[in-house]
Amino acid sequence: MIIQKKKDINKNDINNKEDKFKIKNKIKYLKKNNKKLKKNIISLKKKNKNKIEKVQIRCRKEIELSYKFSLENILSSILPILDSLEMAILSLNDNKNIEHHKIYKKLKKLKNYFIKILTNNNVKIIDKINVQFNPLFHQAMFLKFSKDIKENNIIDILQKGYLLHDRLLRAAMVSVSKI
């Protein structure tokens, strides 16, 4: 029995040495793998940081644009009111009646108030004549023959156009010169 036990101990020693060797190799492998994974994690963190920064920049731009053009619908809905005021002012302009004169003054004041609202909100008016026709800003309603104005220039403004931060709210309806 004593001899048998010694044999068992020797077998255990051999198994133990083999196990230790396997464990050491496994540890080495795991350490190498761990270093690779750490490098991967660092690389992924850098990539994700760049992606996050790009998304933040894009979101800031979208928010800025949304803010910049948030009033577009409201300002567009004011334009027909302003057009009506201008037409009323034109119709009362020549009348000498005192009552019409009072109404004329009030309408003009109201029109100026609306224009002030528009300009305070970065709206520019397209109302220049004798400038080159630009299809991005002008809508040609008809051609007019003219010897005084160069060809393809604006002769009359039928309805003013408007820009909000250089974005077209409404094109100006114009007549264009033809020689």
N, C-alpha and C. Protein backbone atom coordinates (compact mmCIF):
# COMPACT_ATOMS: atom_id res chain seq x y z
N MET A 1 0.78 -1.19 0.00
CA MET A 1 0.00 0.00 0.00
C MET A 1 0.84 1.27 0.00
N ILE A 2 1.86 1.27 0.67
CA ILE A 2 2.73 2.43 0.72
C ILE A 2 3.31 2.69 -0.67
N ILE A 3 3.69 1.70 -1.38
CA ILE A 3 4.25 1.84 -2.73
C ILE A 3 3.19 2.42 -3.66
N GLN A 4 2.04 1.94 -3.54
CA GLN A 4 0.95 2.45 -4.38
C GLN A 4 0.70 3.93 -4.13
N LYS A 5 0.75 4.33 -2.94
CA LYS A 5 0.52 5.73 -2.62
C LYS A 5 1.60 6.61 -3.22
N LYS A 6 2.84 6.10 -3.21
CA LYS A 6 3.93 6.87 -3.80
C LYS A 6 3.71 7.03 -5.29
N LYS A 7 3.25 6.00 -5.93
CA LYS A 7 2.97 6.08 -7.35
C LYS A 7 1.89 7.12 -7.62
N ASP A 8 0.89 7.14 -6.79
CA ASP A 8 -0.18 8.11 -6.94
C ASP A 8 0.35 9.53 -6.79
N ILE A 9 1.24 9.71 -5.84
CA ILE A 9 1.82 11.03 -5.61
C ILE A 9 2.62 11.47 -6.83
N ASN A 10 3.42 10.56 -7.38
CA ASN A 10 4.22 10.88 -8.57
C ASN A 10 3.32 11.24 -9.76
N LYS A 11 2.26 10.53 -9.94
CA LYS A 11 1.32 10.82 -11.01
C LYS A 11 0.70 12.22 -10.80
N ASN A 12 0.39 12.50 -9.57
CA ASN A 12 -0.18 13.79 -9.24
C ASN A 12 0.82 14.92 -9.52
N ASP A 13 2.08 14.65 -9.21
CA ASP A 13 3.12 15.64 -9.46
C ASP A 13 3.24 15.93 -10.96
N ILE A 14 3.23 14.88 -11.73
CA ILE A 14 3.33 15.03 -13.18
C ILE A 14 2.11 15.79 -13.70
N ASN A 15 0.96 15.37 -13.27
CA ASN A 15 -0.27 16.07 -13.69
C ASN A 15 -0.25 17.52 -13.24
N ASN A 16 0.24 17.75 -12.04
CA ASN A 16 0.34 19.09 -11.50
C ASN A 16 1.28 19.95 -12.34
N LYS A 17 2.42 19.40 -12.74
CA LYS A 17 3.37 20.14 -13.55
C LYS A 17 2.77 20.47 -14.92
N GLU A 18 2.08 19.50 -15.49
CA GLU A 18 1.43 19.72 -16.79
C GLU A 18 0.34 20.79 -16.66
N ASP A 19 -0.40 20.69 -15.59
CA ASP A 19 -1.45 21.69 -15.36
C ASP A 19 -0.85 23.08 -15.18
N LYS A 20 0.24 23.17 -14.44
CA LYS A 20 0.89 24.46 -14.23
C LYS A 20 1.38 25.03 -15.56
N PHE A 21 1.94 24.18 -16.39
CA PHE A 21 2.43 24.62 -17.70
C PHE A 21 1.27 25.11 -18.57
N LYS A 22 0.20 24.34 -18.56
CA LYS A 22 -1.00 24.73 -19.33
C LYS A 22 -1.56 26.05 -18.80
N ILE A 23 -1.60 26.18 -17.51
CA ILE A 23 -2.12 27.40 -16.89
C ILE A 23 -1.24 28.60 -17.24
N LYS A 24 0.07 28.41 -17.20
CA LYS A 24 0.99 29.50 -17.55
C LYS A 24 0.78 29.93 -19.00
N ASN A 25 0.67 28.94 -19.86
CA ASN A 25 0.43 29.25 -21.28
C ASN A 25 -0.91 29.97 -21.46
N LYS A 26 -1.88 29.49 -20.77
CA LYS A 26 -3.21 30.10 -20.84
C LYS A 26 -3.14 31.55 -20.36
N ILE A 27 -2.42 31.79 -19.28
CA ILE A 27 -2.26 33.13 -18.73
C ILE A 27 -1.56 34.03 -19.75
N LYS A 28 -0.50 33.52 -20.38
CA LYS A 28 0.21 34.30 -21.40
C LYS A 28 -0.75 34.65 -22.55
N TYR A 29 -1.49 33.67 -22.98
CA TYR A 29 -2.43 33.89 -24.07
C TYR A 29 -3.48 34.94 -23.68
N LEU A 30 -4.00 34.81 -22.48
CA LEU A 30 -5.01 35.75 -22.00
C LEU A 30 -4.45 37.17 -21.85
N LYS A 31 -3.21 37.28 -21.41
CA LYS A 31 -2.59 38.61 -21.28
C LYS A 31 -2.43 39.27 -22.66
N LYS A 32 -1.96 38.48 -23.64
CA LYS A 32 -1.83 39.02 -25.00
C LYS A 32 -3.20 39.44 -25.55
N ASN A 33 -4.15 38.56 -25.35
CA ASN A 33 -5.51 38.85 -25.83
C ASN A 33 -6.07 40.08 -25.12
N ASN A 34 -5.78 40.21 -23.85
CA ASN A 34 -6.24 41.36 -23.07
C ASN A 34 -5.64 42.66 -23.63
N LYS A 35 -4.35 42.64 -23.98
CA LYS A 35 -3.71 43.82 -24.56
C LYS A 35 -4.38 44.19 -25.89
N LYS A 36 -4.64 43.19 -26.72
CA LYS A 36 -5.30 43.45 -28.01
C LYS A 36 -6.69 44.06 -27.78
N LEU A 37 -7.42 43.51 -26.83
CA LEU A 37 -8.76 44.02 -26.54
C LEU A 37 -8.71 45.45 -26.01
N LYS A 38 -7.72 45.75 -25.18
CA LYS A 38 -7.57 47.12 -24.67
C LYS A 38 -7.30 48.09 -25.81
N LYS A 39 -6.42 47.67 -26.75
CA LYS A 39 -6.14 48.52 -27.91
C LYS A 39 -7.40 48.72 -28.74
N ASN A 40 -8.17 47.64 -28.92
CA ASN A 40 -9.43 47.74 -29.66
C ASN A 40 -10.39 48.71 -28.97
N ILE A 41 -10.48 48.61 -27.66
CA ILE A 41 -11.38 49.48 -26.90
C ILE A 41 -10.95 50.94 -27.07
N ILE A 42 -9.66 51.20 -26.98
CA ILE A 42 -9.16 52.57 -27.14
C ILE A 42 -9.48 53.08 -28.54
N SER A 43 -9.27 52.23 -29.54
CA SER A 43 -9.57 52.61 -30.92
C SER A 43 -11.06 52.89 -31.10
N LEU A 44 -11.90 52.03 -30.55
CA LEU A 44 -13.35 52.23 -30.65
C LEU A 44 -13.79 53.49 -29.93
N LYS A 45 -13.18 53.78 -28.79
CA LYS A 45 -13.51 55.00 -28.07
C LYS A 45 -13.20 56.23 -28.91
N LYS A 46 -12.03 56.21 -29.58
CA LYS A 46 -11.67 57.34 -30.43
C LYS A 46 -12.65 57.49 -31.59
N LYS A 47 -12.98 56.36 -32.24
CA LYS A 47 -13.93 56.41 -33.36
C LYS A 47 -15.29 56.92 -32.89
N ASN A 48 -15.76 56.40 -31.77
CA ASN A 48 -17.06 56.83 -31.24
C ASN A 48 -17.04 58.30 -30.84
N LYS A 49 -15.92 58.75 -30.28
CA LYS A 49 -15.81 60.16 -29.91
C LYS A 49 -15.94 61.03 -31.15
N ASN A 50 -15.26 60.64 -32.24
CA ASN A 50 -15.35 61.39 -33.49
C ASN A 50 -16.77 61.37 -34.04
N LYS A 51 -17.42 60.21 -33.99
CA LYS A 51 -18.79 60.10 -34.48
C LYS A 51 -19.72 60.97 -33.66
N ILE A 52 -19.56 60.95 -32.35
CA ILE A 52 -20.40 61.75 -31.46
C ILE A 52 -20.20 63.24 -31.75
N GLU A 53 -18.94 63.66 -31.96
CA GLU A 53 -18.67 65.06 -32.27
C GLU A 53 -19.35 65.46 -33.58
N LYS A 54 -19.29 64.59 -34.59
CA LYS A 54 -19.93 64.87 -35.88
C LYS A 54 -21.45 64.99 -35.71
N VAL A 55 -22.04 64.10 -34.92
CA VAL A 55 -23.48 64.14 -34.68
C VAL A 55 -23.84 65.43 -33.94
N GLN A 56 -23.02 65.82 -32.97
CA GLN A 56 -23.28 67.06 -32.23
C GLN A 56 -23.23 68.27 -33.15
N ILE A 57 -22.23 68.30 -34.03
CA ILE A 57 -22.10 69.41 -34.98
C ILE A 57 -23.32 69.46 -35.89
N ARG A 58 -23.72 68.28 -36.41
CA ARG A 58 -24.89 68.24 -37.30
C ARG A 58 -26.15 68.69 -36.56
N CYS A 59 -26.31 68.24 -35.32
CA CYS A 59 -27.49 68.64 -34.53
C CYS A 59 -27.49 70.14 -34.27
N ARG A 60 -26.31 70.70 -33.95
CA ARG A 60 -26.23 72.15 -33.72
C ARG A 60 -26.64 72.91 -34.98
N LYS A 61 -26.17 72.44 -36.15
CA LYS A 61 -26.52 73.09 -37.41
C LYS A 61 -28.02 73.00 -37.66
N GLU A 62 -28.60 71.82 -37.41
CA GLU A 62 -30.05 71.64 -37.63
C GLU A 62 -30.85 72.52 -36.68
N ILE A 63 -30.42 72.61 -35.44
CA ILE A 63 -31.11 73.46 -34.46
C ILE A 63 -31.00 74.92 -34.89
N GLU A 64 -29.80 75.31 -35.33
CA GLU A 64 -29.60 76.69 -35.78
C GLU A 64 -30.50 77.01 -36.97
N LEU A 65 -30.58 76.09 -37.93
CA LEU A 65 -31.46 76.30 -39.08
C LEU A 65 -32.92 76.34 -38.67
N SER A 66 -33.31 75.45 -37.78
CA SER A 66 -34.69 75.44 -37.30
C SER A 66 -35.03 76.75 -36.62
N TYR A 67 -34.11 77.23 -35.81
CA TYR A 67 -34.33 78.50 -35.12
C TYR A 67 -34.39 79.65 -36.13
N LYS A 68 -33.45 79.61 -37.07
CA LYS A 68 -33.34 80.68 -38.06
C LYS A 68 -34.61 80.82 -38.91
N PHE A 69 -35.22 79.69 -39.26
CA PHE A 69 -36.37 79.71 -40.15
C PHE A 69 -37.68 79.33 -39.45
N SER A 70 -37.69 79.39 -38.13
CA SER A 70 -38.89 79.00 -37.38
C SER A 70 -40.07 79.93 -37.65
N LEU A 71 -39.80 81.16 -37.97
CA LEU A 71 -40.86 82.14 -38.19
C LEU A 71 -41.33 82.20 -39.65
N GLU A 72 -40.79 81.34 -40.48
CA GLU A 72 -41.08 81.39 -41.92
C GLU A 72 -42.58 81.35 -42.21
N ASN A 73 -43.31 80.43 -41.61
CA ASN A 73 -44.75 80.32 -41.88
C ASN A 73 -45.52 81.54 -41.39
N ILE A 74 -45.17 82.02 -40.21
CA ILE A 74 -45.86 83.18 -39.66
C ILE A 74 -45.60 84.41 -40.52
N LEU A 75 -44.33 84.62 -40.87
CA LEU A 75 -43.99 85.79 -41.69
C LEU A 75 -44.63 85.70 -43.07
N SER A 76 -44.70 84.50 -43.62
CA SER A 76 -45.36 84.32 -44.93
C SER A 76 -46.84 84.66 -44.85
N SER A 77 -47.45 84.37 -43.72
CA SER A 77 -48.88 84.65 -43.58
C SER A 77 -49.15 86.15 -43.40
N ILE A 78 -48.13 86.92 -43.03
CA ILE A 78 -48.28 88.38 -42.90
C ILE A 78 -48.25 89.05 -44.27
N LEU A 79 -47.59 88.44 -45.24
CA LEU A 79 -47.38 89.08 -46.54
C LEU A 79 -48.68 89.49 -47.26
N PRO A 80 -49.72 88.65 -47.29
CA PRO A 80 -50.96 89.11 -47.94
C PRO A 80 -51.60 90.32 -47.24
N ILE A 81 -51.45 90.40 -45.93
CA ILE A 81 -51.97 91.55 -45.19
C ILE A 81 -51.22 92.80 -45.63
N LEU A 82 -49.91 92.69 -45.73
CA LEU A 82 -49.09 93.82 -46.17
C LEU A 82 -49.45 94.22 -47.60
N ASP A 83 -49.68 93.23 -48.46
CA ASP A 83 -50.09 93.53 -49.84
C ASP A 83 -51.41 94.30 -49.85
N SER A 84 -52.35 93.88 -49.05
CA SER A 84 -53.66 94.56 -48.99
C SER A 84 -53.52 95.99 -48.48
N LEU A 85 -52.67 96.18 -47.48
CA LEU A 85 -52.43 97.54 -46.98
C LEU A 85 -51.84 98.42 -48.07
N GLU A 86 -50.87 97.88 -48.81
CA GLU A 86 -50.25 98.67 -49.87
C GLU A 86 -51.27 99.03 -50.96
N MET A 87 -52.14 98.10 -51.30
CA MET A 87 -53.17 98.38 -52.31
C MET A 87 -54.15 99.45 -51.80
N ALA A 88 -54.51 99.37 -50.54
CA ALA A 88 -55.42 100.37 -49.96
C ALA A 88 -54.76 101.75 -49.94
N ILE A 89 -53.48 101.79 -49.58
CA ILE A 89 -52.75 103.06 -49.55
C ILE A 89 -52.67 103.66 -50.95
N LEU A 90 -52.40 102.81 -51.94
CA LEU A 90 -52.35 103.30 -53.33
C LEU A 90 -53.70 103.86 -53.77
N SER A 91 -54.76 103.20 -53.40
CA SER A 91 -56.09 103.66 -53.83
C SER A 91 -56.49 104.97 -53.13
N LEU A 92 -56.01 105.21 -51.92
CA LEU A 92 -56.34 106.43 -51.18
C LEU A 92 -55.36 107.57 -51.45
N ASN A 93 -54.26 107.25 -52.09
CA ASN A 93 -53.17 108.21 -52.26
C ASN A 93 -53.60 109.49 -52.96
N ASP A 94 -54.39 109.39 -53.98
CA ASP A 94 -54.77 110.56 -54.78
C ASP A 94 -55.98 111.30 -54.24
N ASN A 95 -56.70 110.69 -53.34
CA ASN A 95 -57.94 111.29 -52.85
C ASN A 95 -57.64 112.44 -51.88
N LYS A 96 -58.28 113.56 -52.07
CA LYS A 96 -58.04 114.75 -51.25
C LYS A 96 -59.01 114.87 -50.07
N ASN A 97 -59.98 113.98 -49.99
CA ASN A 97 -60.97 114.00 -48.92
C ASN A 97 -60.27 113.88 -47.56
N ILE A 98 -60.67 114.71 -46.60
CA ILE A 98 -60.04 114.72 -45.27
C ILE A 98 -60.19 113.38 -44.57
N GLU A 99 -61.37 112.80 -44.66
CA GLU A 99 -61.61 111.50 -44.02
C GLU A 99 -60.69 110.43 -44.62
N HIS A 100 -60.55 110.44 -45.92
CA HIS A 100 -59.65 109.50 -46.59
C HIS A 100 -58.21 109.76 -46.20
N HIS A 101 -57.88 111.03 -45.97
CA HIS A 101 -56.52 111.40 -45.58
C HIS A 101 -56.16 110.79 -44.21
N LYS A 102 -57.11 110.81 -43.27
CA LYS A 102 -56.89 110.21 -41.95
C LYS A 102 -56.69 108.70 -42.07
N ILE A 103 -57.53 108.07 -42.86
CA ILE A 103 -57.42 106.62 -43.07
C ILE A 103 -56.08 106.31 -43.74
N TYR A 104 -55.71 107.13 -44.71
CA TYR A 104 -54.44 106.96 -45.43
C TYR A 104 -53.26 106.98 -44.45
N LYS A 105 -53.26 107.96 -43.56
CA LYS A 105 -52.17 108.08 -42.57
C LYS A 105 -52.11 106.84 -41.67
N LYS A 106 -53.27 106.38 -41.21
CA LYS A 106 -53.31 105.23 -40.32
C LYS A 106 -52.86 103.96 -41.04
N LEU A 107 -53.30 103.81 -42.27
CA LEU A 107 -52.89 102.63 -43.04
C LEU A 107 -51.38 102.65 -43.30
N LYS A 108 -50.86 103.81 -43.59
CA LYS A 108 -49.42 103.94 -43.84
C LYS A 108 -48.63 103.59 -42.57
N LYS A 109 -49.14 104.05 -41.44
CA LYS A 109 -48.49 103.75 -40.15
C LYS A 109 -48.52 102.24 -39.89
N LEU A 110 -49.65 101.62 -40.16
CA LEU A 110 -49.81 100.17 -39.98
C LEU A 110 -48.87 99.40 -40.91
N LYS A 111 -48.80 99.85 -42.15
CA LYS A 111 -47.90 99.22 -43.13
C LYS A 111 -46.45 99.30 -42.64
N ASN A 112 -46.04 100.47 -42.16
CA ASN A 112 -44.67 100.65 -41.66
C ASN A 112 -44.40 99.75 -40.46
N TYR A 113 -45.43 99.56 -39.64
CA TYR A 113 -45.30 98.66 -38.49
C TYR A 113 -45.04 97.22 -38.96
N PHE A 114 -45.80 96.77 -39.97
CA PHE A 114 -45.59 95.42 -40.50
C PHE A 114 -44.21 95.29 -41.13
N ILE A 115 -43.78 96.29 -41.85
CA ILE A 115 -42.44 96.26 -42.47
C ILE A 115 -41.36 96.20 -41.40
N LYS A 116 -41.57 96.92 -40.31
CA LYS A 116 -40.61 96.89 -39.20
C LYS A 116 -40.54 95.48 -38.59
N ILE A 117 -41.68 94.84 -38.45
CA ILE A 117 -41.71 93.46 -37.93
C ILE A 117 -40.91 92.55 -38.85
N LEU A 118 -41.11 92.71 -40.15
CA LEU A 118 -40.40 91.87 -41.11
C LEU A 118 -38.90 92.13 -41.06
N THR A 119 -38.49 93.39 -41.08
CA THR A 119 -37.06 93.69 -41.09
C THR A 119 -36.39 93.29 -39.77
N ASN A 120 -37.11 93.40 -38.67
CA ASN A 120 -36.55 92.94 -37.38
C ASN A 120 -36.34 91.44 -37.34
N ASN A 121 -37.03 90.74 -38.22
CA ASN A 121 -36.90 89.28 -38.29
C ASN A 121 -36.11 88.84 -39.53
N ASN A 122 -35.22 89.72 -39.97
CA ASN A 122 -34.28 89.44 -41.08
C ASN A 122 -34.96 89.13 -42.41
N VAL A 123 -36.05 89.81 -42.68
CA VAL A 123 -36.72 89.68 -43.97
C VAL A 123 -36.28 90.85 -44.84
N LYS A 124 -35.87 90.52 -46.06
CA LYS A 124 -35.48 91.56 -47.03
C LYS A 124 -36.55 91.63 -48.11
N ILE A 125 -36.80 92.84 -48.56
CA ILE A 125 -37.83 93.05 -49.58
C ILE A 125 -37.17 93.07 -50.96
N ILE A 126 -37.78 92.35 -51.89
CA ILE A 126 -37.33 92.34 -53.28
C ILE A 126 -38.25 93.29 -54.03
N ASP A 127 -37.76 94.52 -54.27
CA ASP A 127 -38.62 95.51 -54.93
C ASP A 127 -37.85 96.48 -55.81
N LYS A 128 -36.67 96.11 -56.22
CA LYS A 128 -35.87 97.00 -57.05
C LYS A 128 -36.23 96.85 -58.52
N ILE A 129 -36.31 98.01 -59.20
CA ILE A 129 -36.53 97.98 -60.64
C ILE A 129 -35.22 98.33 -61.34
N ASN A 130 -35.19 98.08 -62.63
CA ASN A 130 -34.01 98.31 -63.46
C ASN A 130 -32.80 97.50 -62.98
N VAL A 131 -33.07 96.30 -62.50
CA VAL A 131 -32.02 95.33 -62.16
C VAL A 131 -32.22 94.10 -63.04
N GLN A 132 -31.19 93.32 -63.18
CA GLN A 132 -31.23 92.11 -64.00
C GLN A 132 -32.28 91.13 -63.46
N PHE A 133 -33.06 90.57 -64.37
CA PHE A 133 -34.06 89.56 -63.98
C PHE A 133 -33.33 88.33 -63.46
N ASN A 134 -33.75 87.84 -62.30
CA ASN A 134 -33.16 86.65 -61.69
C ASN A 134 -34.29 85.68 -61.38
N PRO A 135 -34.35 84.54 -62.07
CA PRO A 135 -35.46 83.60 -61.86
C PRO A 135 -35.50 83.00 -60.45
N LEU A 136 -34.42 83.15 -59.70
CA LEU A 136 -34.42 82.65 -58.32
C LEU A 136 -35.24 83.56 -57.40
N PHE A 137 -35.35 84.84 -57.78
CA PHE A 137 -36.05 85.81 -56.94
C PHE A 137 -37.25 86.45 -57.60
N HIS A 138 -37.32 86.36 -58.92
CA HIS A 138 -38.38 87.03 -59.66
C HIS A 138 -39.25 86.03 -60.41
N GLN A 139 -40.51 86.36 -60.52
CA GLN A 139 -41.44 85.59 -61.34
C GLN A 139 -41.93 86.54 -62.43
N ALA A 140 -41.52 86.24 -63.67
CA ALA A 140 -41.89 87.11 -64.79
C ALA A 140 -43.35 86.88 -65.13
N MET A 141 -44.12 87.95 -65.08
CA MET A 141 -45.54 87.86 -65.40
C MET A 141 -45.79 88.19 -66.87
N PHE A 142 -45.04 89.14 -67.38
CA PHE A 142 -45.14 89.46 -68.80
C PHE A 142 -43.93 90.28 -69.25
N LEU A 143 -43.74 90.34 -70.56
CA LEU A 143 -42.67 91.14 -71.15
C LEU A 143 -43.23 92.48 -71.59
N LYS A 144 -42.41 93.51 -71.46
CA LYS A 144 -42.81 94.85 -71.85
C LYS A 144 -41.70 95.43 -72.73
N PHE A 145 -42.07 96.05 -73.81
CA PHE A 145 -41.08 96.68 -74.67
C PHE A 145 -40.67 98.02 -74.07
N SER A 146 -39.34 98.25 -74.04
CA SER A 146 -38.83 99.49 -73.45
C SER A 146 -37.54 99.89 -74.15
N LYS A 147 -37.43 101.17 -74.44
CA LYS A 147 -36.20 101.71 -75.02
C LYS A 147 -35.30 102.27 -73.92
N ASP A 148 -35.89 102.56 -72.77
CA ASP A 148 -35.14 103.19 -71.68
C ASP A 148 -34.39 102.19 -70.80
N ILE A 149 -34.93 100.99 -70.66
CA ILE A 149 -34.34 99.99 -69.75
C ILE A 149 -33.75 98.86 -70.57
N LYS A 150 -32.56 98.39 -70.14
CA LYS A 150 -31.89 97.30 -70.85
C LYS A 150 -32.76 96.05 -70.91
N GLU A 151 -32.49 95.25 -71.93
CA GLU A 151 -33.25 94.02 -72.10
C GLU A 151 -33.00 93.08 -70.92
N ASN A 152 -34.06 92.36 -70.55
CA ASN A 152 -34.03 91.37 -69.47
C ASN A 152 -33.85 92.02 -68.09
N ASN A 153 -34.22 93.27 -67.96
CA ASN A 153 -34.22 93.95 -66.66
C ASN A 153 -35.66 94.14 -66.19
N ILE A 154 -35.80 94.36 -64.90
CA ILE A 154 -37.12 94.54 -64.29
C ILE A 154 -37.63 95.95 -64.60
N ILE A 155 -38.85 96.03 -65.15
CA ILE A 155 -39.48 97.33 -65.44
C ILE A 155 -40.41 97.72 -64.30
N ASP A 156 -41.29 96.82 -63.92
CA ASP A 156 -42.28 97.10 -62.86
C ASP A 156 -42.32 95.94 -61.87
N ILE A 157 -42.65 96.29 -60.65
CA ILE A 157 -42.90 95.29 -59.61
C ILE A 157 -44.42 95.22 -59.45
N LEU A 158 -44.99 94.08 -59.77
CA LEU A 158 -46.44 93.92 -59.62
C LEU A 158 -46.79 93.51 -58.19
N GLN A 159 -45.92 92.68 -57.63
CA GLN A 159 -46.08 92.26 -56.23
C GLN A 159 -44.67 92.04 -55.67
N LYS A 160 -44.40 92.64 -54.53
CA LYS A 160 -43.07 92.54 -53.93
C LYS A 160 -42.76 91.10 -53.53
N GLY A 161 -41.46 90.80 -53.56
CA GLY A 161 -40.99 89.50 -53.09
C GLY A 161 -40.27 89.68 -51.77
N TYR A 162 -40.04 88.57 -51.08
CA TYR A 162 -39.41 88.65 -49.76
C TYR A 162 -38.45 87.49 -49.56
N LEU A 163 -37.33 87.80 -48.87
CA LEU A 163 -36.32 86.81 -48.50
C LEU A 163 -36.21 86.76 -46.98
N LEU A 164 -36.11 85.57 -46.44
CA LEU A 164 -35.84 85.39 -45.01
C LEU A 164 -34.47 84.75 -44.89
N HIS A 165 -33.50 85.50 -44.35
CA HIS A 165 -32.12 85.01 -44.26
C HIS A 165 -31.65 84.45 -45.61
N ASP A 166 -31.90 85.16 -46.66
CA ASP A 166 -31.51 84.77 -48.02
C ASP A 166 -32.24 83.53 -48.53
N ARG A 167 -33.27 83.10 -47.85
CA ARG A 167 -34.14 82.04 -48.36
C ARG A 167 -35.43 82.71 -48.85
N LEU A 168 -35.86 82.32 -50.02
CA LEU A 168 -37.02 82.95 -50.64
C LEU A 168 -38.31 82.61 -49.88
N LEU A 169 -38.99 83.66 -49.43
CA LEU A 169 -40.32 83.49 -48.84
C LEU A 169 -41.37 83.55 -49.96
N ARG A 170 -41.19 84.55 -50.82
CA ARG A 170 -42.10 84.71 -51.95
C ARG A 170 -41.35 85.45 -53.06
N ALA A 171 -41.47 84.95 -54.28
CA ALA A 171 -40.83 85.60 -55.42
C ALA A 171 -41.58 86.88 -55.77
N ALA A 172 -40.85 87.85 -56.26
CA ALA A 172 -41.47 89.11 -56.71
C ALA A 172 -42.09 88.87 -58.08
N MET A 173 -43.32 89.32 -58.24
CA MET A 173 -43.98 89.24 -59.56
C MET A 173 -43.60 90.51 -60.31
N VAL A 174 -42.99 90.33 -61.47
CA VAL A 174 -42.42 91.47 -62.18
C VAL A 174 -42.76 91.46 -63.66
N SER A 175 -42.60 92.61 -64.28
CA SER A 175 -42.62 92.68 -65.73
C SER A 175 -41.18 92.90 -66.18
N VAL A 176 -40.82 92.25 -67.27
CA VAL A 176 -39.42 92.24 -67.73
C VAL A 176 -39.33 92.98 -69.06
N SER A 177 -38.23 93.73 -69.22
CA SER A 177 -38.05 94.51 -70.44
C SER A 177 -37.65 93.65 -71.63
N LYS A 178 -38.13 94.07 -72.77
CA LYS A 178 -37.81 93.41 -74.04
C LYS A 178 -37.55 94.52 -75.03
N ILE A 179 -36.49 94.41 -75.80
CA ILE A 179 -36.16 95.44 -76.80
C ILE A 179 -36.69 95.01 -78.15
